[in-house]
Amino acid sequence: MTGPEGTASLSNTSRVATSRRHSLAKTVSWRVTATIDTFIISFFVTGSFAWAGSIAGLEVMTKMGLYYLHERAWARVRWGSQ
């Protein structure tokens, strides 16, 4: 099947393999978004930029690793794919 400008496209029923590089890119982009959210919430709760930065800094390190592992685990799940 061919998509716009002659590029290959996948039907809705095709399973797209997720590469490790793709998972890593998703991990980083999500962590930037989520860390900004954590920083803002932490600032409102503590009233301190220093505490908010410390919380956000710790959170970004732990959750990037957890998200990457989670993403790779789901890449192996065949449930819901054909």
N, C-alpha and C. Protein backbone atom coordinates (compact mmCIF):
# COMPACT_ATOMS: atom_id res chain seq x y z
N MET A 1 0.85 -1.17 0.00
CA MET A 1 0.00 0.00 0.00
C MET A 1 0.90 1.23 0.00
N THR A 2 0.53 2.21 -0.81
CA THR A 2 1.34 3.42 -0.93
C THR A 2 0.58 4.62 -0.38
N GLY A 3 1.26 5.46 0.37
CA GLY A 3 0.66 6.65 0.95
C GLY A 3 0.99 7.87 0.14
N PRO A 4 0.82 9.06 0.72
CA PRO A 4 1.11 10.31 0.02
C PRO A 4 2.55 10.35 -0.48
N GLU A 5 2.73 10.92 -1.63
CA GLU A 5 4.05 11.12 -2.22
C GLU A 5 4.82 9.82 -2.37
N GLY A 6 4.11 8.71 -2.59
CA GLY A 6 4.76 7.44 -2.84
C GLY A 6 5.40 6.78 -1.63
N THR A 7 5.14 7.29 -0.44
CA THR A 7 5.71 6.68 0.75
C THR A 7 4.88 5.48 1.15
N ALA A 8 5.51 4.51 1.76
CA ALA A 8 4.79 3.33 2.21
C ALA A 8 3.93 3.70 3.41
N SER A 9 2.73 3.18 3.44
CA SER A 9 1.88 3.41 4.60
C SER A 9 1.38 2.07 5.11
N LEU A 10 0.98 2.02 6.35
CA LEU A 10 0.52 0.80 6.98
C LEU A 10 -0.98 0.86 7.17
N SER A 11 -1.63 -0.26 7.01
CA SER A 11 -3.06 -0.29 7.28
C SER A 11 -3.26 -0.23 8.79
N ASN A 12 -4.48 0.01 9.21
CA ASN A 12 -4.78 0.11 10.64
C ASN A 12 -4.56 -1.21 11.37
N THR A 13 -4.55 -2.32 10.64
CA THR A 13 -4.39 -3.62 11.29
C THR A 13 -2.94 -4.05 11.39
N SER A 14 -2.02 -3.32 10.79
CA SER A 14 -0.61 -3.69 10.84
C SER A 14 -0.01 -3.34 12.19
N ARG A 15 0.84 -4.22 12.67
CA ARG A 15 1.55 -3.95 13.92
C ARG A 15 2.86 -3.27 13.57
N VAL A 16 3.12 -2.16 14.20
CA VAL A 16 4.35 -1.43 13.95
C VAL A 16 5.34 -1.80 15.04
N ALA A 17 6.49 -2.29 14.64
CA ALA A 17 7.53 -2.63 15.60
C ALA A 17 8.11 -1.33 16.15
N THR A 18 8.31 -1.29 17.44
CA THR A 18 8.88 -0.11 18.09
C THR A 18 10.35 -0.35 18.35
N SER A 19 11.19 0.47 17.77
CA SER A 19 12.63 0.31 17.97
C SER A 19 13.05 0.87 19.33
N ARG A 20 14.20 0.48 19.76
CA ARG A 20 14.73 1.00 21.03
C ARG A 20 14.97 2.51 20.92
N ARG A 21 15.42 2.94 19.75
CA ARG A 21 15.66 4.38 19.54
C ARG A 21 14.36 5.18 19.63
N HIS A 22 13.29 4.65 19.05
CA HIS A 22 11.98 5.28 19.11
C HIS A 22 11.49 5.34 20.56
N SER A 23 11.67 4.24 21.29
CA SER A 23 11.28 4.21 22.71
C SER A 23 12.06 5.23 23.52
N LEU A 24 13.34 5.36 23.23
CA LEU A 24 14.17 6.33 23.95
C LEU A 24 13.73 7.76 23.64
N ALA A 25 13.43 8.06 22.38
CA ALA A 25 12.96 9.40 22.01
C ALA A 25 11.64 9.73 22.71
N LYS A 26 10.73 8.77 22.75
CA LYS A 26 9.46 8.97 23.46
C LYS A 26 9.70 9.18 24.94
N THR A 27 10.64 8.44 25.51
CA THR A 27 10.97 8.57 26.92
C THR A 27 11.44 9.98 27.24
N VAL A 28 12.36 10.49 26.45
CA VAL A 28 12.93 11.82 26.70
C VAL A 28 11.87 12.91 26.52
N SER A 29 11.09 12.84 25.43
CA SER A 29 10.08 13.89 25.21
C SER A 29 9.02 13.89 26.30
N TRP A 30 8.61 12.70 26.74
CA TRP A 30 7.62 12.64 27.81
C TRP A 30 8.21 13.14 29.12
N ARG A 31 9.45 12.80 29.42
CA ARG A 31 10.04 13.23 30.68
C ARG A 31 10.19 14.74 30.75
N VAL A 32 10.51 15.39 29.66
CA VAL A 32 10.59 16.85 29.67
C VAL A 32 9.23 17.43 30.06
N THR A 33 8.18 16.94 29.42
CA THR A 33 6.82 17.42 29.71
C THR A 33 6.45 17.13 31.16
N ALA A 34 6.64 15.91 31.59
CA ALA A 34 6.24 15.51 32.93
C ALA A 34 7.07 16.19 34.02
N THR A 35 8.34 16.44 33.75
CA THR A 35 9.20 17.09 34.74
C THR A 35 8.80 18.55 34.93
N ILE A 36 8.43 19.21 33.87
CA ILE A 36 7.93 20.58 33.99
C ILE A 36 6.68 20.59 34.86
N ASP A 37 5.80 19.63 34.63
CA ASP A 37 4.58 19.50 35.44
C ASP A 37 4.94 19.25 36.91
N THR A 38 5.87 18.34 37.16
CA THR A 38 6.28 18.04 38.53
C THR A 38 6.90 19.26 39.20
N PHE A 39 7.72 20.01 38.46
CA PHE A 39 8.34 21.21 39.02
C PHE A 39 7.28 22.23 39.43
N ILE A 40 6.30 22.45 38.56
CA ILE A 40 5.24 23.43 38.85
C ILE A 40 4.43 23.01 40.06
N ILE A 41 4.02 21.75 40.10
CA ILE A 41 3.25 21.26 41.25
C ILE A 41 4.08 21.34 42.53
N SER A 42 5.34 20.93 42.45
CA SER A 42 6.22 20.98 43.63
C SER A 42 6.41 22.40 44.12
N PHE A 43 6.51 23.34 43.20
CA PHE A 43 6.65 24.74 43.61
C PHE A 43 5.39 25.22 44.34
N PHE A 44 4.23 24.88 43.80
CA PHE A 44 2.98 25.30 44.45
C PHE A 44 2.82 24.66 45.83
N VAL A 45 3.27 23.43 45.99
CA VAL A 45 3.14 22.75 47.28
C VAL A 45 4.16 23.27 48.29
N THR A 46 5.42 23.45 47.84
CA THR A 46 6.48 23.83 48.79
C THR A 46 6.71 25.34 48.87
N GLY A 47 6.40 26.06 47.79
CA GLY A 47 6.69 27.49 47.74
C GLY A 47 8.16 27.80 47.55
N SER A 48 8.95 26.79 47.23
CA SER A 48 10.39 26.96 47.11
C SER A 48 10.88 26.45 45.76
N PHE A 49 11.61 27.34 45.04
CA PHE A 49 12.19 26.91 43.77
C PHE A 49 13.26 25.83 44.00
N ALA A 50 14.01 25.94 45.09
CA ALA A 50 15.06 24.97 45.39
C ALA A 50 14.47 23.58 45.62
N TRP A 51 13.44 23.50 46.45
CA TRP A 51 12.80 22.21 46.70
C TRP A 51 12.14 21.67 45.44
N ALA A 52 11.48 22.53 44.69
CA ALA A 52 10.83 22.10 43.45
C ALA A 52 11.86 21.55 42.47
N GLY A 53 13.00 22.21 42.37
CA GLY A 53 14.07 21.74 41.50
C GLY A 53 14.65 20.40 41.95
N SER A 54 14.81 20.25 43.26
CA SER A 54 15.32 18.99 43.80
C SER A 54 14.36 17.84 43.53
N ILE A 55 13.10 18.07 43.76
CA ILE A 55 12.08 17.05 43.53
C ILE A 55 12.03 16.69 42.05
N ALA A 56 11.98 17.70 41.19
CA ALA A 56 11.91 17.45 39.75
C ALA A 56 13.17 16.76 39.24
N GLY A 57 14.32 17.13 39.77
CA GLY A 57 15.58 16.51 39.35
C GLY A 57 15.66 15.04 39.71
N LEU A 58 15.25 14.70 40.91
CA LEU A 58 15.24 13.30 41.34
C LEU A 58 14.21 12.50 40.55
N GLU A 59 13.06 13.09 40.37
CA GLU A 59 11.97 12.43 39.67
C GLU A 59 12.34 12.13 38.22
N VAL A 60 13.02 13.04 37.56
CA VAL A 60 13.36 12.81 36.15
C VAL A 60 14.31 11.62 36.00
N MET A 61 15.23 11.45 36.92
CA MET A 61 16.19 10.36 36.83
C MET A 61 15.52 9.00 37.03
N THR A 62 14.68 8.89 38.03
CA THR A 62 14.05 7.60 38.31
C THR A 62 13.00 7.24 37.25
N LYS A 63 12.20 8.19 36.86
CA LYS A 63 11.09 7.87 35.96
C LYS A 63 11.52 7.67 34.52
N MET A 64 12.64 8.24 34.08
CA MET A 64 13.11 7.95 32.72
C MET A 64 13.46 6.47 32.59
N GLY A 65 14.15 5.97 33.56
CA GLY A 65 14.51 4.54 33.53
C GLY A 65 13.29 3.65 33.62
N LEU A 66 12.37 3.99 34.49
CA LEU A 66 11.15 3.19 34.64
C LEU A 66 10.30 3.23 33.38
N TYR A 67 10.17 4.39 32.76
CA TYR A 67 9.36 4.50 31.54
C TYR A 67 9.99 3.71 30.40
N TYR A 68 11.30 3.79 30.24
CA TYR A 68 11.97 3.06 29.17
C TYR A 68 11.75 1.56 29.33
N LEU A 69 11.92 1.05 30.54
CA LEU A 69 11.69 -0.37 30.79
C LEU A 69 10.23 -0.75 30.52
N HIS A 70 9.32 0.10 30.92
CA HIS A 70 7.89 -0.12 30.69
C HIS A 70 7.59 -0.16 29.19
N GLU A 71 8.14 0.77 28.44
CA GLU A 71 7.94 0.84 26.99
C GLU A 71 8.49 -0.41 26.30
N ARG A 72 9.67 -0.86 26.72
CA ARG A 72 10.27 -2.05 26.11
C ARG A 72 9.46 -3.30 26.45
N ALA A 73 8.94 -3.37 27.65
CA ALA A 73 8.10 -4.51 28.03
C ALA A 73 6.84 -4.55 27.16
N TRP A 74 6.20 -3.41 26.96
CA TRP A 74 5.00 -3.36 26.12
C TRP A 74 5.31 -3.64 24.66
N ALA A 75 6.51 -3.37 24.21
CA ALA A 75 6.88 -3.67 22.82
C ALA A 75 6.89 -5.18 22.58
N ARG A 76 7.02 -5.98 23.64
CA ARG A 76 7.02 -7.43 23.52
C ARG A 76 5.63 -8.05 23.64
N VAL A 77 4.66 -7.28 24.09
CA VAL A 77 3.31 -7.80 24.30
C VAL A 77 2.60 -7.94 22.96
N ARG A 78 2.05 -9.10 22.70
CA ARG A 78 1.34 -9.33 21.45
C ARG A 78 -0.16 -9.10 21.61
N TRP A 79 -0.64 -8.95 22.82
CA TRP A 79 -2.04 -8.72 23.10
C TRP A 79 -2.52 -7.46 22.38
N GLY A 80 -3.61 -7.57 21.66
CA GLY A 80 -4.18 -6.42 20.97
C GLY A 80 -3.63 -6.21 19.58
N SER A 81 -2.66 -7.00 19.17
CA SER A 81 -2.11 -6.87 17.83
C SER A 81 -2.49 -8.10 17.02
N GLN A 82 -2.41 -7.98 15.72
CA GLN A 82 -2.78 -9.12 14.89
C GLN A 82 -1.57 -9.73 14.26
